Amino acid sequence: MSSETRSYPRRVTTEAGEIEFRLMSRADEAAVLAFAQELPIHDLLFLPRDISESKVLAAWLKEIERGAITSLLAVKAGRVVGCGTLVRDPLSWSPHVGEIRNVVSSDVRGQGVGRVLSQETFALALGAGLEKVVVQMTVDQTGAIAIFEGLGFKAEALLRDQVKDKAGKKHDIVVLGHNVAQVRAQLEAYGLPGAVQH
């Protein structure tokens, strides 16, 4: 998958300082593993696998090289502080749907890094021509939910007791969706065809 509508690296000034957003590659393996291992385990619960394990990260990098996943890193002073991923499966029953998975370091939260990362990852999804984009997270991640609602996502499902943390406690997951094709069609009907482009 290409990022034809976006060029990287891209530098953005946030409340956390200057952040470089760039596409993840195999050269980032050690830095991403260090980032993932510093995250609170609760922040990883909405991901299908534990990215703080090196074998999971190795499989993730293979998927990037295969083109099924595009991952953006947020880097501050040479250290990874966030990662946004767009996942697609063109061989599934949902080739028109992409899933965004974002995680941000707790030390830069509430400083605009997650917002920019979400915007950039959503822009990649729009550039890929996806008709629908979904994101899921635990229900207590109210800041992240608000960011995606600000991008036009709406709650579609609540999955009760969907994930279990390492202590055995169960957590609910909320699924938000954005029907890009429907929004684009509505805007075109009003004569605003470029309004969903980033």
Protein backbone atom coordinates (compact mmCIF):
# COMPACT_ATOMS: atom_id res chain seq x y z
CA MET A 1 0.00 0.00 0.00
CA SER A 2 1.39 3.37 -0.90
CA SER A 3 0.93 6.67 0.86
CA GLU A 4 0.48 8.58 -2.38
CA THR A 5 -1.38 11.50 -0.78
CA ARG A 6 1.09 11.93 2.11
CA SER A 7 4.82 12.49 2.14
CA TYR A 8 7.03 11.51 5.04
CA PRO A 9 8.92 12.35 7.13
CA ARG A 10 6.66 15.18 8.27
CA ARG A 11 7.48 17.42 11.24
CA VAL A 12 4.73 18.87 13.41
CA THR A 13 5.04 21.15 16.42
CA THR A 14 2.87 19.95 19.31
CA GLU A 15 2.62 20.87 22.98
CA ALA A 16 5.14 18.03 23.53
CA GLY A 17 7.60 19.80 21.20
CA GLU A 18 8.57 18.94 17.62
CA ILE A 19 7.46 15.47 16.58
CA GLU A 20 8.62 13.73 13.44
CA PHE A 21 6.09 11.44 11.78
CA ARG A 22 7.63 8.82 9.51
CA LEU A 23 6.84 5.44 8.05
CA MET A 24 8.03 2.49 10.14
CA SER A 25 10.59 0.08 8.69
CA ARG A 26 12.70 -2.85 9.86
CA ALA A 27 15.40 -0.40 11.01
CA ASP A 28 12.96 0.76 13.71
CA GLU A 29 12.52 -2.69 15.29
CA ALA A 30 14.56 -2.06 18.47
CA ALA A 31 13.11 1.44 19.02
CA VAL A 32 9.52 0.23 18.58
CA LEU A 33 10.09 -2.73 20.90
CA ALA A 34 11.49 -0.36 23.57
CA PHE A 35 8.44 1.92 23.10
CA ALA A 36 5.97 -0.99 23.37
CA GLN A 37 7.65 -2.43 26.45
CA GLU A 38 7.31 0.93 28.26
CA LEU A 39 3.56 1.15 27.62
CA PRO A 40 1.17 0.25 30.43
CA ILE A 41 -0.34 -3.17 29.63
CA HIS A 42 -3.81 -1.60 29.65
CA ASP A 43 -2.83 0.46 26.59
CA LEU A 44 -2.19 -2.73 24.61
CA LEU A 45 -5.50 -4.48 25.37
CA PHE A 46 -7.35 -3.36 22.23
CA LEU A 47 -4.59 -4.70 19.97
CA PRO A 48 -5.09 -8.27 18.73
CA ARG A 49 -1.58 -9.24 19.91
CA ASP A 50 0.92 -8.03 22.48
CA ILE A 51 3.35 -5.85 20.51
CA SER A 52 5.76 -5.75 23.46
CA GLU A 53 6.84 -9.29 22.48
CA SER A 54 9.66 -9.44 19.92
CA LYS A 55 8.08 -12.32 17.91
CA VAL A 56 4.87 -10.29 17.50
CA LEU A 57 6.89 -7.27 16.37
CA ALA A 58 8.79 -9.43 13.86
CA ALA A 59 5.48 -10.64 12.36
CA TRP A 60 4.24 -7.02 12.26
CA LEU A 61 7.32 -5.96 10.28
CA LYS A 62 6.72 -8.79 7.80
CA GLU A 63 3.16 -7.53 7.28
CA ILE A 64 4.51 -4.01 6.64
CA GLU A 65 6.93 -5.39 4.05
CA ARG A 66 4.10 -7.41 2.47
CA GLY A 67 2.00 -4.23 2.18
CA ALA A 68 -0.93 -5.33 4.37
CA ILE A 69 -0.04 -2.84 7.11
CA THR A 70 1.20 0.74 7.04
CA SER A 71 2.62 2.05 10.32
CA LEU A 72 3.54 5.61 11.17
CA LEU A 73 5.89 6.42 14.00
CA ALA A 74 5.81 9.58 16.09
CA VAL A 75 9.41 10.30 17.09
CA LYS A 76 10.57 12.92 19.59
CA ALA A 77 14.30 13.57 19.92
CA GLY A 78 15.11 10.17 18.40
CA ARG A 79 12.72 8.23 20.67
CA VAL A 80 9.46 6.60 19.51
CA VAL A 81 6.55 8.17 21.42
CA GLY A 82 3.66 6.93 19.30
CA CYS A 83 2.66 4.53 16.59
CA GLY A 84 -0.32 4.65 14.26
CA THR A 85 -1.16 1.65 12.12
CA LEU A 86 -3.56 1.13 9.25
CA VAL A 87 -4.45 -2.52 8.70
CA ARG A 88 -6.21 -3.87 5.60
CA ASP A 89 -6.92 -7.37 4.40
CA PRO A 90 -7.66 -7.31 0.65
CA LEU A 91 -8.26 -11.08 0.66
CA SER A 92 -10.98 -10.95 3.35
CA TRP A 93 -14.73 -10.31 2.96
CA SER A 94 -13.99 -6.69 3.92
CA PRO A 95 -11.35 -5.45 1.45
CA HIS A 96 -13.04 -2.03 1.52
CA VAL A 97 -12.50 -1.64 5.28
CA GLY A 98 -9.38 -0.53 7.13
CA GLU A 99 -8.66 -0.59 10.85
CA ILE A 100 -6.66 2.10 12.63
CA ARG A 101 -4.66 1.09 15.71
CA ASN A 102 -2.93 3.90 17.61
CA VAL A 103 -0.83 3.88 20.76
CA VAL A 104 0.89 6.87 22.35
CA SER A 105 3.44 7.09 25.16
CA SER A 106 1.91 8.23 28.45
CA ASP A 107 4.50 11.01 28.83
CA VAL A 108 3.21 12.87 25.74
CA ARG A 109 -0.51 12.27 26.26
CA GLY A 110 -2.80 15.27 26.24
CA GLN A 111 -0.22 17.26 24.27
CA GLY A 112 -1.58 16.82 20.75
CA VAL A 113 0.61 13.90 19.65
CA GLY A 114 -2.28 11.41 19.62
CA ARG A 115 -4.50 13.88 17.76
CA VAL A 116 -1.95 14.43 14.97
CA LEU A 117 -1.16 10.70 14.80
CA SER A 118 -4.88 9.93 14.44
CA GLN A 119 -5.29 12.58 11.73
CA GLU A 120 -2.27 11.30 9.82
CA THR A 121 -3.37 7.66 10.02
CA PHE A 122 -6.90 8.57 8.94
CA ALA A 123 -5.45 10.55 6.03
CA LEU A 124 -3.54 7.40 4.98
CA ALA A 125 -6.84 5.48 5.06
CA LEU A 126 -8.50 8.13 2.87
CA GLY A 127 -5.54 8.07 0.48
CA ALA A 128 -5.84 4.29 0.21
CA GLY A 129 -9.39 4.70 -1.10
CA LEU A 130 -11.01 2.76 1.75
CA GLU A 131 -14.79 3.00 1.99
CA LYS A 132 -14.96 2.43 5.73
CA VAL A 133 -12.51 2.83 8.60
CA VAL A 134 -12.89 1.38 12.10
CA VAL A 135 -11.03 1.81 15.36
CA GLN A 136 -11.44 0.01 18.67
CA MET A 137 -10.31 0.76 22.20
CA THR A 138 -11.23 0.15 25.80
CA VAL A 139 -14.21 2.24 26.92
CA ASP A 140 -12.17 4.21 29.47
CA GLN A 141 -9.89 5.71 26.79
CA THR A 142 -12.10 8.77 26.62
CA GLY A 143 -9.44 11.07 25.17
CA ALA A 144 -8.80 8.76 22.20
CA ILE A 145 -12.55 8.25 21.68
CA ALA A 146 -13.04 12.04 21.58
CA ILE A 147 -10.24 12.44 19.01
CA PHE A 148 -11.84 9.93 16.64
CA GLU A 149 -15.33 11.35 17.19
CA GLY A 150 -13.83 14.71 16.18
CA LEU A 151 -12.77 13.07 12.90
CA GLY A 152 -16.35 11.94 12.27
CA PHE A 153 -16.23 8.41 13.74
CA LYS A 154 -19.35 7.13 15.50
CA ALA A 155 -19.78 4.35 18.05
CA GLU A 156 -21.01 1.19 16.34
CA ALA A 157 -20.58 -1.55 18.93
CA LEU A 158 -19.78 -2.27 22.53
CA LEU A 159 -18.13 -5.64 23.08
CA ARG A 160 -18.56 -6.59 26.73
CA ASP A 161 -15.74 -8.49 28.46
CA GLN A 162 -13.96 -8.72 25.10
CA VAL A 163 -10.37 -8.67 26.34
CA LYS A 164 -8.66 -10.07 29.40
CA ASP A 165 -5.56 -8.47 30.90
CA LYS A 166 -2.66 -10.42 32.36
CA ALA A 167 -4.26 -10.30 35.81
CA GLY A 168 -7.37 -11.98 34.39
CA LYS A 169 -9.60 -8.89 34.60
CA LYS A 170 -12.02 -8.47 31.68
CA HIS A 171 -12.54 -5.16 29.85
CA ASP A 172 -15.15 -3.83 27.44
CA ILE A 173 -14.12 -2.65 23.97
CA VAL A 174 -15.88 0.07 21.99
CA VAL A 175 -15.79 -0.05 18.17
CA LEU A 176 -16.06 3.25 16.30
CA GLY A 177 -16.64 3.44 12.57
CA HIS A 178 -16.41 6.05 9.82
CA ASN A 179 -18.34 5.38 6.62
CA VAL A 180 -16.04 7.35 4.32
CA ALA A 181 -17.92 6.42 1.13
CA GLN A 182 -21.25 7.61 2.54
CA VAL A 183 -19.80 10.89 3.82
CA ARG A 184 -18.02 11.46 0.50
CA ALA A 185 -21.27 10.84 -1.43
CA GLN A 186 -23.19 13.27 0.81
CA LEU A 187 -20.55 15.96 0.35
CA GLU A 188 -20.52 15.46 -3.41
CA ALA A 189 -24.32 15.81 -3.41
CA TYR A 190 -23.82 19.21 -1.76
CA GLY A 191 -21.14 20.15 -4.29
CA LEU A 192 -18.16 19.71 -1.93
CA PRO A 193 -16.23 16.81 -3.52
CA GLY A 194 -12.82 17.69 -2.05
CA ALA A 195 -13.95 18.10 1.53
CA VAL A 196 -12.97 14.62 2.71
CA GLN A 197 -9.51 14.79 1.18
CA HIS A 198 -6.60 15.54 3.51
